[in-house]
Amino acid sequence: MLTLTAELKGFIKSHDTDAIRQKFGIDRGGIVQQTVDKSVIDWNMQYCPMETGVLSKSPYSVTEIGSGEVAYPGPYARYLYYGEVMGPNIPVFEDDSGEPTRFFSPKGQPKHLTGRPLKYSTDLNPLAGAFWFERMKADHLDDILKEAKSVAGIK
């Protein structure tokens, strides 16, 4: 499972007391943190690798909305997030092209990082790739903060 932190650190600049956090719904589980968590999941969908959409939608079934953490379940989520091929990889040749059509790793052998980057299909999701949360934040952090401030009633 891959867990990404989506907390609102530094949202209130002065006197960050429990009373202020609760008044504006910024406390853990509050409406603002819920909004941030949902926004992070929604924006991440544009950056998450997509073949069937299961991975990009999976946080809705396992994330505690309002916790400040967005989770992607499954052993492949971490692998796809960091974008590095794991091995050992044994090539399989299923045609006469001379190029491997796929790779497999024997059961029971420990996997290790190979240093080769994954190749992501961008057919269904043009922004798909590694480190989707970091890339999404670089593009949409202001959008998420604007929505959070609106929900909190802060201009």
Protein backbone atom coordinates (compact mmCIF):
# COMPACT_ATOMS: atom_id res chain seq x y z
CA MET A 1 0.00 0.00 0.00
CA LEU A 2 1.17 3.51 -0.80
CA THR A 3 0.14 6.31 1.58
CA LEU A 4 0.56 9.99 0.66
CA THR A 5 0.22 12.79 3.25
CA ALA A 6 -2.19 15.57 2.34
CA GLU A 7 -2.28 17.59 5.56
CA LEU A 8 -2.86 21.33 5.66
CA LYS A 9 0.37 22.45 7.27
CA GLY A 10 0.76 26.22 7.43
CA PHE A 11 -2.86 26.88 6.41
CA ILE A 12 -3.31 29.34 9.28
CA LYS A 13 -0.28 31.59 9.69
CA SER A 14 -0.84 32.95 13.20
CA HIS A 15 -1.80 31.42 16.55
CA ASP A 16 -2.58 27.94 15.29
CA THR A 17 -4.61 26.91 18.34
CA ASP A 18 -7.08 24.07 18.65
CA ALA A 19 -9.96 26.55 18.93
CA ILE A 20 -9.09 28.25 15.64
CA ARG A 21 -8.56 24.91 13.93
CA GLN A 22 -11.94 23.67 15.12
CA LYS A 23 -13.76 26.95 14.30
CA PHE A 24 -12.65 26.82 10.68
CA GLY A 25 -12.99 23.03 10.33
CA ILE A 26 -9.24 22.57 9.87
CA ASP A 27 -8.84 19.94 12.56
CA ARG A 28 -8.29 16.30 11.67
CA GLY A 29 -11.55 14.96 10.26
CA GLY A 30 -12.89 18.50 9.83
CA ILE A 31 -14.67 19.70 6.71
CA VAL A 32 -11.58 21.47 5.36
CA GLN A 33 -9.32 18.42 5.71
CA GLN A 34 -12.07 16.32 4.11
CA THR A 35 -12.17 18.77 1.21
CA VAL A 36 -8.39 18.64 0.82
CA ASP A 37 -8.35 14.85 0.85
CA LYS A 38 -11.11 14.63 -1.76
CA SER A 39 -9.44 17.28 -3.93
CA VAL A 40 -6.10 15.46 -3.76
CA ILE A 41 -7.74 12.23 -4.91
CA ASP A 42 -9.64 13.99 -7.71
CA TRP A 43 -6.62 15.93 -8.99
CA ASN A 44 -4.37 12.86 -8.70
CA MET A 45 -6.64 10.97 -11.11
CA GLN A 46 -5.23 13.08 -13.95
CA TYR A 47 -1.64 12.06 -13.08
CA CYS A 48 -2.09 8.46 -11.92
CA PRO A 49 -1.25 5.67 -14.39
CA MET A 50 -4.47 4.36 -15.89
CA GLU A 51 -5.23 1.14 -17.66
CA THR A 52 -8.66 0.39 -16.20
CA GLY A 53 -9.01 3.24 -13.68
CA VAL A 54 -8.93 0.92 -10.66
CA LEU A 55 -5.73 2.40 -9.19
CA SER A 56 -6.76 6.03 -9.64
CA LYS A 57 -10.16 5.44 -8.00
CA SER A 58 -8.92 3.07 -5.27
CA PRO A 59 -8.26 5.78 -2.64
CA TYR A 60 -12.02 6.34 -2.32
CA SER A 61 -12.45 2.81 -0.98
CA VAL A 62 -9.51 2.72 1.47
CA THR A 63 -8.76 6.31 2.50
CA GLU A 64 -10.28 7.73 5.66
CA ILE A 65 -11.43 11.04 4.17
CA GLY A 66 -10.38 13.80 6.57
CA SER A 67 -7.34 11.94 7.91
CA GLY A 68 -4.81 13.91 5.86
CA GLU A 69 -3.53 10.71 4.25
CA VAL A 70 -4.53 9.34 0.85
CA ALA A 71 -3.89 5.62 0.39
CA TYR A 72 -3.45 3.57 -2.78
CA PRO A 73 -3.83 -0.15 -1.97
CA GLY A 74 -2.17 -3.09 -3.63
CA PRO A 75 1.43 -4.14 -4.05
CA TYR A 76 1.69 -2.48 -7.44
CA ALA A 77 0.77 1.05 -6.26
CA ARG A 78 4.16 1.75 -4.70
CA TYR A 79 5.91 0.19 -7.70
CA LEU A 80 4.00 2.42 -10.13
CA TYR A 81 4.44 5.54 -7.97
CA TYR A 82 8.23 5.33 -7.86
CA GLY A 83 8.44 4.25 -11.51
CA GLU A 84 11.37 1.87 -11.46
CA VAL A 85 11.36 -1.61 -12.98
CA MET A 86 11.80 -4.43 -10.47
CA GLY A 87 13.61 -7.65 -11.38
CA PRO A 88 14.75 -10.28 -12.01
CA ASN A 89 13.12 -9.95 -15.41
CA ILE A 90 13.20 -12.89 -17.76
CA PRO A 91 12.19 -11.95 -21.31
CA VAL A 92 9.38 -13.82 -23.08
CA PHE A 93 9.39 -13.93 -26.89
CA GLU A 94 5.89 -14.62 -28.24
CA ASP A 95 6.46 -13.61 -31.86
CA ASP A 96 9.21 -13.53 -34.48
CA SER A 97 10.12 -9.85 -33.99
CA GLY A 98 13.24 -10.63 -31.96
CA GLU A 99 12.00 -8.24 -29.26
CA PRO A 100 10.59 -9.49 -25.95
CA THR A 101 6.81 -9.13 -25.80
CA ARG A 102 6.77 -9.22 -21.99
CA PHE A 103 8.85 -10.11 -18.94
CA PHE A 104 8.24 -12.23 -15.87
CA SER A 105 9.91 -12.84 -12.53
CA PRO A 106 10.03 -16.36 -11.12
CA LYS A 107 7.95 -16.98 -8.01
CA GLY A 108 9.84 -17.15 -4.75
CA GLN A 109 12.77 -15.02 -5.88
CA PRO A 110 13.19 -11.66 -4.13
CA LYS A 111 12.69 -8.65 -6.35
CA HIS A 112 15.14 -5.76 -6.55
CA LEU A 113 15.26 -2.40 -8.28
CA THR A 114 16.92 -2.56 -11.69
CA GLY A 115 17.60 1.14 -12.26
CA ARG A 116 15.45 1.16 -15.40
CA PRO A 117 12.48 3.54 -15.51
CA LEU A 118 8.99 2.20 -16.11
CA LYS A 119 7.31 3.12 -19.38
CA TYR A 120 3.81 4.44 -18.76
CA SER A 121 1.03 4.31 -21.31
CA THR A 122 -0.45 7.76 -21.84
CA ASP A 123 -3.24 6.57 -24.16
CA LEU A 124 -6.00 6.94 -21.54
CA ASN A 125 -4.25 9.41 -19.27
CA PRO A 126 -1.79 11.81 -20.96
CA LEU A 127 -0.27 12.94 -17.63
CA ALA A 128 0.32 9.41 -16.29
CA GLY A 129 3.71 8.79 -14.74
CA ALA A 130 5.77 8.35 -11.61
CA PHE A 131 5.46 10.61 -8.57
CA TRP A 132 1.92 11.62 -9.56
CA PHE A 133 1.22 13.27 -6.17
CA GLU A 134 4.31 15.50 -6.35
CA ARG A 135 3.61 16.48 -9.96
CA MET A 136 -0.06 17.17 -9.17
CA LYS A 137 0.89 19.40 -6.21
CA ALA A 138 3.28 21.38 -8.40
CA ASP A 139 0.40 22.10 -10.79
CA HIS A 140 -2.64 22.32 -8.48
CA LEU A 141 -1.64 23.17 -4.91
CA ASP A 142 -3.09 26.67 -5.31
CA ASP A 143 -6.38 25.19 -6.58
CA ILE A 144 -6.59 22.88 -3.55
CA LEU A 145 -5.79 25.71 -1.11
CA LYS A 146 -8.36 27.98 -2.79
CA GLU A 147 -11.03 25.33 -2.35
CA ALA A 148 -9.99 24.69 1.26
CA LYS A 149 -10.12 28.40 2.09
CA SER A 150 -13.55 28.67 0.50
CA VAL A 151 -14.90 25.82 2.61
CA ALA A 152 -13.32 27.37 5.72
CA GLY A 153 -14.86 30.74 4.95
CA ILE A 154 -11.46 32.40 4.57
CA LYS A 155 -10.91 34.89 1.75
